[in-house]
């Protein structure tokens, strides 16, 4: 059997020398965006899509992963926050 190696491709959303956003749990400076998302979800009228935009490296992908963790059932220790602990199943 021949040893076939998979080529190395850069991972999407990973900045050089930085952890991938899925591995980043802290996010600074996006309190207003998080509050807007939490408010929309609490109202029962969460839109099916959100456009997250901004300059490269500002935290868009990290914010998206925080939303995903929350939507998949992660529980924050802080009310009105998307701060899901890293050890949350």
Protein backbone atom coordinates (compact mmCIF):
# COMPACT_ATOMS: atom_id res chain seq x y z
CA UNK A 1 0.00 0.00 0.00
CA UNK A 2 1.32 3.40 -0.96
CA UNK A 3 1.63 6.12 1.71
CA UNK A 4 -0.45 9.05 0.50
CA UNK A 5 0.05 12.33 2.30
CA UNK A 6 -2.67 14.94 2.51
CA UNK A 7 -1.44 18.34 1.36
CA UNK A 8 -1.30 21.06 4.02
CA UNK A 9 -3.87 23.77 3.40
CA UNK A 10 -4.16 26.92 5.51
CA UNK A 11 -7.13 26.83 7.84
CA UNK A 12 -9.85 29.36 7.08
CA UNK A 13 -10.15 32.27 9.52
CA UNK A 14 -6.76 31.59 11.17
CA UNK A 15 -4.48 34.62 11.37
CA UNK A 16 -0.75 33.88 11.31
CA UNK A 17 0.66 33.06 14.76
CA UNK A 18 -2.80 33.17 16.37
CA UNK A 19 -5.14 30.56 17.77
CA UNK A 20 -8.03 29.58 15.52
CA UNK A 21 -11.27 31.45 16.43
CA UNK A 22 -12.89 28.12 17.42
CA UNK A 23 -10.20 27.85 20.12
CA UNK A 24 -10.62 31.46 21.29
CA UNK A 25 -13.20 32.03 24.00
CA UNK A 26 -12.50 35.65 24.99
CA UNK A 27 -13.59 38.55 22.84
CA UNK A 28 -13.03 42.19 23.75
CA UNK A 29 -14.87 45.20 22.38
CA UNK A 30 -17.96 43.58 20.90
CA UNK A 31 -20.35 43.99 23.83
CA UNK A 32 -22.89 45.96 21.77
CA UNK A 33 -22.99 43.32 19.02
CA UNK A 34 -23.38 40.53 21.58
CA UNK A 35 -26.14 42.43 23.38
CA UNK A 36 -27.97 42.98 20.08
CA UNK A 37 -27.78 39.27 19.24
CA UNK A 38 -28.89 38.17 22.73
CA UNK A 39 -31.77 40.66 22.67
CA UNK A 40 -32.94 39.43 19.26
CA UNK A 41 -32.83 35.80 20.40
CA UNK A 42 -34.66 36.59 23.66
CA UNK A 43 -37.41 38.39 21.72
CA UNK A 44 -38.19 35.19 19.83
CA UNK A 45 -37.58 36.98 16.54
CA UNK A 46 -34.04 35.93 15.73
CA UNK A 47 -33.38 36.48 12.03
CA UNK A 48 -32.23 33.49 9.99
CA UNK A 49 -29.00 35.22 8.93
CA UNK A 50 -26.67 37.86 10.31
CA UNK A 51 -24.10 39.81 8.33
CA UNK A 52 -20.92 40.15 10.38
CA UNK A 53 -18.53 42.63 8.81
CA UNK A 54 -15.48 44.63 9.74
CA UNK A 55 -11.76 44.94 9.15
CA UNK A 56 -9.52 41.88 9.03
CA UNK A 57 -8.52 40.67 12.48
CA UNK A 58 -11.23 42.51 14.44
CA UNK A 59 -12.85 39.31 15.75
CA UNK A 60 -15.65 38.49 13.31
CA UNK A 61 -14.96 34.75 13.24
CA UNK A 62 -14.49 34.63 17.02
CA UNK A 63 -17.84 36.38 17.44
CA UNK A 64 -19.46 33.87 15.08
CA UNK A 65 -18.03 30.93 17.05
CA UNK A 66 -19.36 32.48 20.27
CA UNK A 67 -22.83 32.66 18.70
CA UNK A 68 -22.54 29.05 17.52
CA UNK A 69 -21.55 27.80 20.99
CA UNK A 70 -24.55 29.63 22.44
CA UNK A 71 -26.98 28.34 19.80
CA UNK A 72 -25.76 24.77 20.29
CA UNK A 73 -26.75 24.93 23.96
CA UNK A 74 -23.70 26.35 25.69
CA UNK A 75 -24.51 28.02 28.98
CA UNK A 76 -22.81 31.25 29.99
CA UNK A 77 -21.90 31.91 33.60
CA UNK A 78 -22.86 35.56 33.04
CA UNK A 79 -26.40 36.63 32.25
CA UNK A 80 -26.68 38.44 28.93
CA UNK A 81 -23.33 37.16 27.67
CA UNK A 82 -22.00 34.77 25.07
CA UNK A 83 -19.11 33.81 27.37
CA UNK A 84 -19.41 30.04 27.21
CA UNK A 85 -16.70 28.33 29.32
CA UNK A 86 -14.19 26.22 27.40
CA UNK A 87 -15.16 23.19 29.50
CA UNK A 88 -18.88 23.44 28.61
CA UNK A 89 -19.85 20.23 26.78
